[in-house]
Amino acid sequence: MTELIALRASNGLYVCADQAEGVQRPGSLFANRETVGEWERFELIKQDSSRYALRASNGRYVSAERDGAFQAVADRDSVGEWELLEVVRLDSHRVAFRTTEGRYLSAEQSEGAACRLCILSDRAELGAWETFAVEHQEPLP
């Protein structure tokens, strides 16, 4: 089962798999977009009874592999253990994503954050910054 979705972080902005020139890691996820365009759309692809993969518009899968800063990035050609996410349903529109290591994806907004508005995969606790609103999308023409 596959759904086309957009994710709105707790700051009210959409998650983007940034593919612009000059981005340190193309496909890095940020919660910094006001509207939904191509880069803000993800395919949510069911993998087993409780886990999913997210495929970004660049055709690559989001990975939560530990790599220094724990930044989630859409740079994988296939789904492996690091690309599997458990969707934790909080209510009819909000979810949290738990990684293979049991940590949550987060869009931290604090001024002192190492990477403000980056989507990180380093949170042990579920709080406001770890929640996302799911908006179902129609394919672009």
N, C-alpha and C. Protein backbone atom coordinates (compact mmCIF):
# COMPACT_ATOMS: atom_id res chain seq x y z
N MET A 1 0.84 -1.18 0.00
CA MET A 1 0.00 0.00 0.00
C MET A 1 0.89 1.25 0.00
N THR A 2 0.57 2.19 -0.86
CA THR A 2 1.33 3.43 -0.98
C THR A 2 0.38 4.62 -0.92
N GLU A 3 0.75 5.62 -0.14
CA GLU A 3 -0.02 6.87 -0.05
C GLU A 3 0.91 8.03 -0.36
N LEU A 4 0.40 9.02 -1.08
CA LEU A 4 1.15 10.24 -1.34
C LEU A 4 0.76 11.24 -0.26
N ILE A 5 1.76 11.71 0.51
CA ILE A 5 1.49 12.57 1.65
C ILE A 5 2.42 13.78 1.69
N ALA A 6 2.02 14.76 2.48
CA ALA A 6 2.89 15.86 2.90
C ALA A 6 2.87 15.83 4.41
N LEU A 7 3.98 16.24 5.02
CA LEU A 7 4.10 16.25 6.47
C LEU A 7 4.27 17.68 6.96
N ARG A 8 3.40 18.07 7.88
CA ARG A 8 3.50 19.40 8.48
C ARG A 8 4.03 19.22 9.89
N ALA A 9 5.17 19.86 10.18
CA ALA A 9 5.80 19.76 11.50
C ALA A 9 5.03 20.62 12.50
N SER A 10 5.40 20.50 13.76
CA SER A 10 4.70 21.23 14.82
C SER A 10 4.87 22.75 14.71
N ASN A 11 5.83 23.22 13.90
CA ASN A 11 6.00 24.65 13.67
C ASN A 11 5.05 25.17 12.59
N GLY A 12 4.23 24.29 12.02
CA GLY A 12 3.27 24.67 10.99
C GLY A 12 3.85 24.67 9.59
N LEU A 13 5.14 24.34 9.45
CA LEU A 13 5.79 24.30 8.14
C LEU A 13 5.90 22.86 7.64
N TYR A 14 6.01 22.73 6.32
CA TYR A 14 6.07 21.42 5.70
C TYR A 14 7.51 20.89 5.65
N VAL A 15 7.60 19.58 5.71
CA VAL A 15 8.88 18.89 5.60
C VAL A 15 9.26 18.81 4.12
N CYS A 16 10.51 19.09 3.84
CA CYS A 16 11.05 19.11 2.49
C CYS A 16 12.29 18.22 2.41
N ALA A 17 12.41 17.47 1.33
CA ALA A 17 13.66 16.77 1.02
C ALA A 17 14.41 17.70 0.05
N ASP A 18 15.25 18.56 0.59
CA ASP A 18 15.88 19.64 -0.17
C ASP A 18 16.87 19.09 -1.19
N GLN A 19 16.67 19.49 -2.44
CA GLN A 19 17.51 19.01 -3.53
C GLN A 19 18.20 20.15 -4.26
N ALA A 20 18.23 21.32 -3.64
CA ALA A 20 18.81 22.50 -4.27
C ALA A 20 20.33 22.39 -4.33
N GLU A 21 20.90 23.06 -5.32
CA GLU A 21 22.36 23.13 -5.39
C GLU A 21 22.88 23.84 -4.16
N GLY A 22 23.99 23.37 -3.64
CA GLY A 22 24.59 24.00 -2.48
C GLY A 22 24.19 23.39 -1.16
N VAL A 23 23.17 22.54 -1.15
CA VAL A 23 22.79 21.85 0.08
C VAL A 23 23.91 20.87 0.41
N GLN A 24 24.34 20.87 1.67
CA GLN A 24 25.46 20.03 2.06
C GLN A 24 25.22 18.56 1.74
N ARG A 25 24.04 18.05 2.07
CA ARG A 25 23.67 16.67 1.74
C ARG A 25 22.37 16.72 0.96
N PRO A 26 22.40 16.61 -0.37
CA PRO A 26 21.15 16.63 -1.14
C PRO A 26 20.17 15.59 -0.61
N GLY A 27 18.91 16.01 -0.48
CA GLY A 27 17.88 15.14 0.06
C GLY A 27 17.70 15.29 1.56
N SER A 28 18.49 16.16 2.21
CA SER A 28 18.34 16.39 3.64
C SER A 28 16.93 16.91 3.93
N LEU A 29 16.37 16.44 5.04
CA LEU A 29 15.02 16.82 5.40
C LEU A 29 15.03 18.02 6.34
N PHE A 30 14.17 19.01 6.01
CA PHE A 30 14.00 20.22 6.80
C PHE A 30 12.51 20.51 6.94
N ALA A 31 12.10 21.11 8.04
CA ALA A 31 10.72 21.57 8.24
C ALA A 31 10.73 23.08 8.06
N ASN A 32 10.77 23.53 6.78
CA ASN A 32 10.95 24.96 6.53
C ASN A 32 10.18 25.48 5.32
N ARG A 33 9.14 24.78 4.88
CA ARG A 33 8.42 25.21 3.69
C ARG A 33 6.99 25.61 4.03
N GLU A 34 6.53 26.71 3.44
CA GLU A 34 5.19 27.21 3.72
C GLU A 34 4.11 26.57 2.87
N THR A 35 4.48 26.04 1.71
CA THR A 35 3.50 25.40 0.83
C THR A 35 4.03 24.05 0.36
N VAL A 36 3.12 23.28 -0.20
CA VAL A 36 3.49 21.95 -0.69
C VAL A 36 3.76 22.03 -2.18
N GLY A 37 4.98 21.67 -2.56
CA GLY A 37 5.38 21.53 -3.95
C GLY A 37 5.93 20.13 -4.13
N GLU A 38 6.67 19.92 -5.17
CA GLU A 38 7.20 18.59 -5.47
C GLU A 38 8.10 18.06 -4.34
N TRP A 39 9.00 18.89 -3.82
CA TRP A 39 9.96 18.44 -2.82
C TRP A 39 9.32 18.16 -1.46
N GLU A 40 8.09 18.60 -1.26
CA GLU A 40 7.39 18.40 0.02
C GLU A 40 6.44 17.20 -0.02
N ARG A 41 6.48 16.43 -1.07
CA ARG A 41 5.62 15.25 -1.21
C ARG A 41 6.45 13.99 -1.00
N PHE A 42 5.87 13.07 -0.26
CA PHE A 42 6.52 11.79 0.04
C PHE A 42 5.54 10.65 -0.22
N GLU A 43 6.08 9.54 -0.65
CA GLU A 43 5.28 8.32 -0.73
C GLU A 43 5.49 7.58 0.58
N LEU A 44 4.40 7.27 1.25
CA LEU A 44 4.43 6.45 2.46
C LEU A 44 4.13 5.03 2.00
N ILE A 45 5.12 4.14 2.11
CA ILE A 45 5.02 2.80 1.53
C ILE A 45 5.06 1.75 2.64
N LYS A 46 3.98 1.02 2.78
CA LYS A 46 3.88 -0.01 3.81
C LYS A 46 4.88 -1.13 3.50
N GLN A 47 5.66 -1.53 4.51
CA GLN A 47 6.66 -2.58 4.35
C GLN A 47 6.26 -3.88 5.04
N ASP A 48 5.66 -3.78 6.21
CA ASP A 48 5.17 -4.96 6.94
C ASP A 48 4.01 -4.50 7.83
N SER A 49 3.66 -5.26 8.82
CA SER A 49 2.46 -4.95 9.60
C SER A 49 2.54 -3.61 10.34
N SER A 50 3.74 -3.13 10.68
CA SER A 50 3.81 -1.90 11.46
C SER A 50 4.84 -0.89 10.95
N ARG A 51 5.58 -1.24 9.91
CA ARG A 51 6.66 -0.35 9.47
C ARG A 51 6.45 0.11 8.03
N TYR A 52 6.96 1.32 7.78
CA TYR A 52 6.81 1.98 6.49
C TYR A 52 8.15 2.52 6.03
N ALA A 53 8.21 2.87 4.75
CA ALA A 53 9.34 3.61 4.20
C ALA A 53 8.77 4.90 3.61
N LEU A 54 9.59 5.95 3.61
CA LEU A 54 9.23 7.21 2.98
C LEU A 54 10.13 7.41 1.77
N ARG A 55 9.50 7.58 0.59
CA ARG A 55 10.28 7.86 -0.62
C ARG A 55 10.00 9.31 -1.02
N ALA A 56 11.08 10.07 -1.18
CA ALA A 56 10.98 11.49 -1.52
C ALA A 56 10.83 11.65 -3.03
N SER A 57 10.61 12.87 -3.47
CA SER A 57 10.41 13.16 -4.89
C SER A 57 11.66 12.91 -5.73
N ASN A 58 12.82 12.80 -5.08
CA ASN A 58 14.04 12.48 -5.82
C ASN A 58 14.15 10.98 -6.10
N GLY A 59 13.13 10.21 -5.70
CA GLY A 59 13.11 8.77 -5.94
C GLY A 59 13.89 7.97 -4.92
N ARG A 60 14.43 8.63 -3.91
CA ARG A 60 15.24 7.95 -2.89
C ARG A 60 14.48 7.86 -1.58
N TYR A 61 14.89 6.89 -0.78
CA TYR A 61 14.23 6.63 0.49
C TYR A 61 14.89 7.40 1.62
N VAL A 62 14.06 7.83 2.56
CA VAL A 62 14.52 8.53 3.75
C VAL A 62 15.22 7.53 4.66
N SER A 63 16.39 7.89 5.13
CA SER A 63 17.16 7.05 6.04
C SER A 63 17.36 7.76 7.37
N ALA A 64 17.25 6.98 8.43
CA ALA A 64 17.50 7.50 9.78
C ALA A 64 18.76 6.89 10.36
N GLU A 65 19.72 6.58 9.49
CA GLU A 65 20.97 5.98 9.95
C GLU A 65 21.74 6.99 10.79
N ARG A 66 22.35 6.47 11.85
CA ARG A 66 23.19 7.34 12.68
C ARG A 66 24.40 7.76 11.87
N ASP A 67 24.54 9.05 11.70
CA ASP A 67 25.67 9.58 10.94
C ASP A 67 26.01 10.95 11.52
N GLY A 68 26.75 10.96 12.60
CA GLY A 68 27.15 12.23 13.20
C GLY A 68 26.00 12.98 13.82
N ALA A 69 25.35 13.85 13.04
CA ALA A 69 24.31 14.73 13.56
C ALA A 69 22.92 14.08 13.55
N PHE A 70 22.80 12.85 13.12
CA PHE A 70 21.52 12.14 13.09
C PHE A 70 20.51 12.78 12.14
N GLN A 71 20.93 13.54 11.15
CA GLN A 71 19.96 14.18 10.27
C GLN A 71 19.37 13.16 9.31
N ALA A 72 18.03 13.16 9.21
CA ALA A 72 17.34 12.29 8.26
C ALA A 72 17.58 12.84 6.86
N VAL A 73 17.82 11.94 5.92
CA VAL A 73 18.13 12.35 4.55
C VAL A 73 17.56 11.33 3.57
N ALA A 74 17.00 11.81 2.46
CA ALA A 74 16.48 10.93 1.41
C ALA A 74 17.59 10.69 0.40
N ASP A 75 18.41 9.66 0.68
CA ASP A 75 19.56 9.39 -0.19
C ASP A 75 19.80 7.91 -0.44
N ARG A 76 18.83 7.07 -0.14
CA ARG A 76 19.02 5.63 -0.28
C ARG A 76 18.25 5.09 -1.49
N ASP A 77 18.90 4.19 -2.21
CA ASP A 77 18.29 3.60 -3.41
C ASP A 77 17.31 2.48 -3.09
N SER A 78 17.44 1.89 -1.90
CA SER A 78 16.56 0.78 -1.54
C SER A 78 16.24 0.85 -0.05
N VAL A 79 15.28 0.03 0.36
CA VAL A 79 14.85 0.01 1.75
C VAL A 79 15.61 -1.07 2.51
N GLY A 80 16.33 -0.65 3.54
CA GLY A 80 17.01 -1.55 4.45
C GLY A 80 16.52 -1.25 5.86
N GLU A 81 17.20 -1.75 6.85
CA GLU A 81 16.77 -1.56 8.24
C GLU A 81 16.71 -0.09 8.64
N TRP A 82 17.66 0.73 8.17
CA TRP A 82 17.72 2.15 8.56
C TRP A 82 16.63 2.98 7.91
N GLU A 83 15.97 2.43 6.89
CA GLU A 83 14.93 3.17 6.18
C GLU A 83 13.52 2.79 6.65
N LEU A 84 13.43 1.89 7.61
CA LEU A 84 12.13 1.48 8.13
C LEU A 84 11.71 2.36 9.29
N LEU A 85 10.47 2.83 9.24
CA LEU A 85 9.92 3.71 10.27
C LEU A 85 8.59 3.15 10.75
N GLU A 86 8.44 3.11 12.06
CA GLU A 86 7.14 2.74 12.63
C GLU A 86 6.31 4.01 12.73
N VAL A 87 5.10 3.98 12.22
CA VAL A 87 4.20 5.12 12.31
C VAL A 87 3.39 4.97 13.58
N VAL A 88 3.56 5.92 14.49
CA VAL A 88 2.82 5.93 15.75
C VAL A 88 1.68 6.92 15.59
N ARG A 89 0.47 6.42 15.51
CA ARG A 89 -0.70 7.28 15.30
C ARG A 89 -1.09 7.93 16.63
N LEU A 90 -1.12 9.25 16.67
CA LEU A 90 -1.45 10.00 17.87
C LEU A 90 -2.91 10.41 17.90
N ASP A 91 -3.45 10.74 16.73
CA ASP A 91 -4.87 11.01 16.56
C ASP A 91 -5.17 10.84 15.07
N SER A 92 -6.30 11.32 14.61
CA SER A 92 -6.68 11.06 13.22
C SER A 92 -5.80 11.76 12.18
N HIS A 93 -5.05 12.78 12.58
CA HIS A 93 -4.22 13.52 11.62
C HIS A 93 -2.74 13.61 12.00
N ARG A 94 -2.41 13.31 13.24
CA ARG A 94 -1.02 13.48 13.69
C ARG A 94 -0.37 12.13 13.97
N VAL A 95 0.92 12.06 13.61
CA VAL A 95 1.70 10.85 13.82
C VAL A 95 3.08 11.22 14.35
N ALA A 96 3.77 10.20 14.82
CA ALA A 96 5.19 10.28 15.12
C ALA A 96 5.85 9.14 14.37
N PHE A 97 7.12 9.29 14.06
CA PHE A 97 7.86 8.25 13.35
C PHE A 97 8.96 7.74 14.26
N ARG A 98 8.93 6.43 14.55
CA ARG A 98 9.94 5.80 15.41
C ARG A 98 10.89 5.00 14.51
N THR A 99 12.18 5.21 14.72
CA THR A 99 13.21 4.56 13.92
C THR A 99 13.47 3.13 14.41
N THR A 100 14.29 2.42 13.68
CA THR A 100 14.70 1.07 14.05
C THR A 100 15.32 1.03 15.44
N GLU A 101 16.01 2.09 15.82
CA GLU A 101 16.65 2.16 17.14
C GLU A 101 15.70 2.59 18.25
N GLY A 102 14.43 2.83 17.91
CA GLY A 102 13.47 3.24 18.91
C GLY A 102 13.47 4.73 19.20
N ARG A 103 14.13 5.50 18.37
CA ARG A 103 14.17 6.96 18.53
C ARG A 103 13.15 7.58 17.58
N TYR A 104 12.78 8.82 17.84
CA TYR A 104 11.77 9.51 17.05
C TYR A 104 12.38 10.56 16.13
N LEU A 105 11.76 10.74 14.96
CA LEU A 105 12.12 11.87 14.11
C LEU A 105 11.61 13.14 14.78
N SER A 106 12.37 14.22 14.63
CA SER A 106 12.05 15.47 15.31
C SER A 106 12.38 16.65 14.41
N ALA A 107 11.55 17.70 14.51
CA ALA A 107 11.82 18.98 13.83
C ALA A 107 12.02 20.02 14.91
N GLU A 108 13.20 20.04 15.50
CA GLU A 108 13.47 20.97 16.60
C GLU A 108 13.45 22.40 16.11
N GLN A 109 12.83 23.27 16.95
CA GLN A 109 12.66 24.66 16.56
C GLN A 109 13.45 25.62 17.44
N SER A 110 14.12 25.14 18.46
CA SER A 110 14.78 26.05 19.39
C SER A 110 15.94 26.78 18.73
N GLU A 111 16.13 28.02 19.15
CA GLU A 111 17.20 28.85 18.59
C GLU A 111 18.58 28.24 18.81
N GLY A 112 18.77 27.50 19.89
CA GLY A 112 20.07 26.93 20.21
C GLY A 112 20.32 25.57 19.59
N ALA A 113 19.42 25.08 18.77
CA ALA A 113 19.57 23.75 18.17
C ALA A 113 20.78 23.73 17.24
N ALA A 114 21.46 22.58 17.20
CA ALA A 114 22.63 22.42 16.33
C ALA A 114 22.23 22.58 14.86
N CYS A 115 21.05 22.13 14.51
CA CYS A 115 20.56 22.24 13.14
C CYS A 115 19.07 22.57 13.22
N ARG A 116 18.78 23.85 13.38
CA ARG A 116 17.40 24.30 13.56
C ARG A 116 16.56 23.97 12.33
N LEU A 117 15.41 23.35 12.57
CA LEU A 117 14.44 22.94 11.56
C LEU A 117 14.87 21.73 10.74
N CYS A 118 16.03 21.15 11.02
CA CYS A 118 16.42 19.88 10.41
C CYS A 118 15.54 18.77 10.98
N ILE A 119 15.29 17.76 10.20
CA ILE A 119 14.60 16.59 10.72
C ILE A 119 15.70 15.65 11.22
N LEU A 120 15.70 15.45 12.53
CA LEU A 120 16.70 14.61 13.17
C LEU A 120 16.07 13.29 13.61
N SER A 121 16.90 12.29 13.82
CA SER A 121 16.41 10.97 14.25
C SER A 121 17.05 10.57 15.58
N ASP A 122 17.05 11.51 16.53
CA ASP A 122 17.82 11.29 17.76
C ASP A 122 17.02 11.39 19.04
N ARG A 123 15.70 11.46 18.99
CA ARG A 123 14.91 11.72 20.19
C ARG A 123 14.43 10.44 20.86
N ALA A 124 14.74 10.32 22.14
CA ALA A 124 14.31 9.15 22.91
C ALA A 124 12.88 9.32 23.41
N GLU A 125 12.44 10.57 23.59
CA GLU A 125 11.11 10.85 24.12
C GLU A 125 10.23 11.47 23.04
N LEU A 126 8.94 11.22 23.16
CA LEU A 126 7.96 11.76 22.23
C LEU A 126 7.36 13.03 22.82
N GLY A 127 7.56 14.16 22.14
CA GLY A 127 7.01 15.44 22.56
C GLY A 127 6.45 16.18 21.36
N ALA A 128 6.18 17.46 21.50
CA ALA A 128 5.56 18.25 20.43
C ALA A 128 6.42 18.29 19.17
N TRP A 129 7.74 18.45 19.30
CA TRP A 129 8.60 18.55 18.13
C TRP A 129 8.70 17.24 17.36
N GLU A 130 8.24 16.15 17.96
CA GLU A 130 8.31 14.83 17.33
C GLU A 130 6.99 14.43 16.68
N THR A 131 6.06 15.38 16.54
CA THR A 131 4.77 15.07 15.94
C THR A 131 4.64 15.75 14.58
N PHE A 132 3.94 15.09 13.69
CA PHE A 132 3.75 15.59 12.32
C PHE A 132 2.30 15.37 11.92
N ALA A 133 1.72 16.37 11.27
CA ALA A 133 0.38 16.22 10.69
C ALA A 133 0.55 15.63 9.30
N VAL A 134 -0.25 14.62 9.00
CA VAL A 134 -0.21 13.97 7.69
C VAL A 134 -1.31 14.56 6.82
N GLU A 135 -0.93 15.06 5.66
CA GLU A 135 -1.90 15.58 4.70
C GLU A 135 -1.80 14.76 3.43
N HIS A 136 -2.90 14.13 3.08
CA HIS A 136 -2.93 13.30 1.86
C HIS A 136 -2.93 14.22 0.64
N GLN A 137 -2.17 13.83 -0.35
CA GLN A 137 -1.96 14.64 -1.53
C GLN A 137 -2.43 13.91 -2.79
N GLU A 138 -2.74 14.67 -3.80
CA GLU A 138 -3.02 14.14 -5.12
C GLU A 138 -1.74 14.27 -5.94
N PRO A 139 -1.51 13.37 -6.89
CA PRO A 139 -0.31 13.50 -7.74
C PRO A 139 -0.31 14.83 -8.48
N LEU A 140 0.88 15.37 -8.71
CA LEU A 140 1.01 16.59 -9.49
C LEU A 140 0.69 16.28 -10.95
N PRO A 141 0.09 17.24 -11.68
CA PRO A 141 -0.24 16.98 -13.09
C PRO A 141 1.02 16.85 -13.94
